[in-house]
């Protein structure tokens, strides 16, 4: 209203996650800690035949979520023991492929980032598969076609080099594990202690290592090595960095990066031979100076952030992230105070949803990042698929409707509900759940009325140009508003008496003076950035404000009539 707002009326910027409160306070929801939720699974196991596998993902049972991949359309593929299942962006689930369940074994999934084609690296059958159909297949057992591997194991010192240089379907594999596809359609996978590649013509080759029983070669601690100098110890998982097409390999609690120019370096983890006695490597800030504990999976975001899942199957179940500048921080998984593996009464899930850093995980087995930045976790022990996202306004409950957004304010014990456009609909009490304020709007989305829980209504009347002209209080008292030529509120008048007069600094919208009915005037001055620097009160008292942001936090020095006080703020949030 002329540049002013009602203190109880707020606006939500849904896209950027910012709540603009009517009292001038801004809450940056997107800069709050990431949140975690369950998108599939309810903690109970399905039957092995999976008669109810299709339907909605929410609450749909899982048996043993082992592997994850993300499709080009945002679909999530879940390796759920003997079934590979697809969660569409709509939330519907369908089965894609059925694998052998005897014996029980681990396998890995990956998708082509361009075509969305799914690949399955099956350790048990020693083959790489490609589903023929990603939905609608009638015979799930025969829905896979072989991309690599004959099913026979390649013997040591094989003269044919396990089929290198020939068709991948004619090659012998040792035991395929982690798999990834780069932006050029090249398939990379772990095979024993080797990294092998299948090109777009279906020809297989070995990129790193050999099948000659050569023992692992110690990695250099702080420098790069040429790929020919590297011998892996026990590689398991694989991922591609979308930023530079480099390959990341998880090898026995160390993550290696293989660049396109065939250089290899450590990006996370500290090999045992690189550790110096007396130095703590458990929870350092630099990823290359930090020990990993029971690392099980890696994934990379589209911005190059590395995620690492770790578990000792007992008390440690966490996910850490490595920024592009090499700093490692914990993202999710609070340590358990009991043994998740051996204590049947140990609650390793607790409430489930909430801040990711406070969540309990149980043996995270696989990770994948979707194009929108959501990190999906195969929470094997909790029999759920979890999603970790940047903090955004949550969608509404049954009370407010599914197309609405809810933002809680614990400080005021209120819940604000907005429609899909971020328009404030009503405010509820967090304690009682009762409605406190309800807002009415014109067809042009201008607020026209505010009603409290007792039925008292404040009405705002506007002219044909949508400018506010008067406010009618619940007792029918009328306050007239005058809007100046600059669009700012100029006067408030009641019963012919001018209550308040405002003036502004040009067209900036910054308040210059405020004069009340008895003639007392307050003056406001600002710096070139629009920050308040001086307030001169009618009594002659002058308050000077000086802000300092050099320390990473905002400190405001306030000097009033010879008194000098400093008010530090919380550190600036950094994304």
Foldseek 3Di string as FASTA:
>chain_A
DQLAFDQQFWFAPFVQFWIQGRVRDIDRLLLPFWWKFFLAADLDADDPVCPPQWDFRVHHFAHFFFEWEAFLQGWIWTDGFQWIWIQHPVRTIDTQAGHDPVPGDHKYWYAANPHRWIWIQAQQQQFIWTFCDRDDDDHRHPRIDTLAACSAADAAPDPCQQQAPHARPPGHFHGWAAWYAFNQRKIWIDTFFWIKIQHPVRGIHTDAAGRHPDAFDDDDQADKDARPRGTAHGWHHWEAANVQRWIWIDGPQWIWTQHPVRIIDTLAAGDPVRDDPPDAQDDDFFRSSHTAAQWAEWEAANQGKIKTFHDPQFFFTFIWIADPVRTIDTRAADTFPTTLNPDPPGDQAPPPIDRRHPGGAGPFNYWYAGNVGWIWTRRRSSSTIMIIDRRGFDADDPVQDRQKGWDADVVVQKIWIGGNNRGTAFIAGNVPRHTAWGWDADPVRHTAWIAGPVGWIKGFDADPVRHTAWIQGSVRFIWGWDHDPLSHTAFTDGPRATAKGWDADPNPSHTAWIAGRVGWIKGWDADPVRHTAWIQGSVRKIWGWDWDCVVQWIKIWIAIPRDIDIDTDPGDRDD
